[in-house]
Amino acid sequence: MKIQLKEITIKEVANGYKNSDEEGVVGYGGKLNIHPKYQREFIYKDDKRNNGIDAR
């Protein structure tokens, strides 16, 4: 399978944007699955998550 670059505008990505707890987040007329309904949610609280990123 060969992948070809296709330039699209932000307007096209936002076309058909839907954010639903039951169906996830989609855009690009339903062709782009931004956040699938089966995607696991964040499990860490902000302070614990940030500790893992802190580079001090």
C-alpha atoms as a PDB file:
ATOM      1  CA  MET A   1       0.000   0.000   0.000  1.00  0.00           C
ATOM      2  CA  LYS A   2       1.439   3.324  -1.038  1.00  0.00           C
ATOM      3  CA  ILE A   3       0.549   6.382   1.029  1.00  0.00           C
ATOM      4  CA  GLN A   4       0.133   9.650  -0.836  1.00  0.00           C
ATOM      5  CA  LEU A   5       0.262  13.103   0.723  1.00  0.00           C
ATOM      6  CA  LYS A   6      -2.990  15.026   0.487  1.00  0.00           C
ATOM      7  CA  GLU A   7      -3.011  18.590   1.744  1.00  0.00           C
ATOM      8  CA  ILE A   8      -6.260  19.596   3.436  1.00  0.00           C
ATOM      9  CA  THR A   9      -7.393  22.740   5.186  1.00  0.00           C
ATOM     10  CA  ILE A  10      -8.367  23.131   8.833  1.00  0.00           C
ATOM     11  CA  LYS A  11     -11.874  23.855   7.605  1.00  0.00           C
ATOM     12  CA  GLU A  12     -11.983  20.414   5.974  1.00  0.00           C
ATOM     13  CA  VAL A  13     -10.756  18.724   9.171  1.00  0.00           C
ATOM     14  CA  ALA A  14     -13.430  20.547  11.195  1.00  0.00           C
ATOM     15  CA  ASN A  15     -16.141  19.569   8.708  1.00  0.00           C
ATOM     16  CA  GLY A  16     -18.446  17.082  10.396  1.00  0.00           C
ATOM     17  CA  TYR A  17     -16.676  17.433  13.772  1.00  0.00           C
ATOM     18  CA  LYS A  18     -18.558  15.500  16.451  1.00  0.00           C
ATOM     19  CA  ASN A  19     -17.594  15.020  20.089  1.00  0.00           C
ATOM     20  CA  SER A  20     -19.642  12.303  21.768  1.00  0.00           C
ATOM     21  CA  ASP A  21     -18.956  10.311  24.938  1.00  0.00           C
ATOM     22  CA  GLU A  22     -20.591   7.304  23.302  1.00  0.00           C
ATOM     23  CA  GLU A  23     -19.094   7.540  19.810  1.00  0.00           C
ATOM     24  CA  GLY A  24     -15.782   9.335  20.417  1.00  0.00           C
ATOM     25  CA  VAL A  25     -14.486  12.332  18.475  1.00  0.00           C
ATOM     26  CA  VAL A  26     -14.515  12.403  14.671  1.00  0.00           C
ATOM     27  CA  GLY A  27     -13.846  14.999  12.011  1.00  0.00           C
ATOM     28  CA  TYR A  28     -13.154  15.357   8.284  1.00  0.00           C
ATOM     29  CA  GLY A  29     -16.686  14.359   7.379  1.00  0.00           C
ATOM     30  CA  GLY A  30     -16.510  11.259   9.588  1.00  0.00           C
ATOM     31  CA  LYS A  31     -13.318   9.985   7.904  1.00  0.00           C
ATOM     32  CA  LEU A  32     -10.913  11.040  10.685  1.00  0.00           C
ATOM     33  CA  ASN A  33     -11.177   9.209  14.002  1.00  0.00           C
ATOM     34  CA  ILE A  34      -9.609  11.760  16.359  1.00  0.00           C
ATOM     35  CA  HIS A  35     -10.406  10.010  19.650  1.00  0.00           C
ATOM     36  CA  PRO A  36     -11.953   6.549  19.228  1.00  0.00           C
ATOM     37  CA  LYS A  37     -14.730   5.509  21.606  1.00  0.00           C
ATOM     38  CA  TYR A  38     -12.575   2.603  22.754  1.00  0.00           C
ATOM     39  CA  GLN A  39      -9.576   4.857  23.622  1.00  0.00           C
ATOM     40  CA  ARG A  40      -8.694   4.609  27.309  1.00  0.00           C
ATOM     41  CA  GLU A  41      -9.137   7.819  29.252  1.00  0.00           C
ATOM     42  CA  PHE A  42      -6.368   9.401  31.318  1.00  0.00           C
ATOM     43  CA  ILE A  43      -5.838   7.524  34.576  1.00  0.00           C
ATOM     44  CA  TYR A  44      -3.465   9.853  36.412  1.00  0.00           C
ATOM     45  CA  LYS A  45      -4.373  13.077  38.180  1.00  0.00           C
ATOM     46  CA  ASP A  46      -2.648  16.200  36.849  1.00  0.00           C
ATOM     47  CA  ASP A  47      -0.021  16.430  39.618  1.00  0.00           C
ATOM     48  CA  LYS A  48       1.018  12.763  39.264  1.00  0.00           C
ATOM     49  CA  ARG A  49       1.108  13.030  35.467  1.00  0.00           C
ATOM     50  CA  ASN A  50       3.232  16.181  35.639  1.00  0.00           C
ATOM     51  CA  ASN A  51       5.723  14.488  37.999  1.00  0.00           C
ATOM     52  CA  GLY A  52       6.470  11.992  35.247  1.00  0.00           C
ATOM     53  CA  ILE A  53       7.243  14.841  32.851  1.00  0.00           C
ATOM     54  CA  ASP A  54       9.231  17.075  35.248  1.00  0.00           C
ATOM     55  CA  ALA A  55      12.832  17.216  33.991  1.00  0.00           C
ATOM     56  CA  ARG A  56      14.411  18.831  37.059  1.00  0.00           C
END
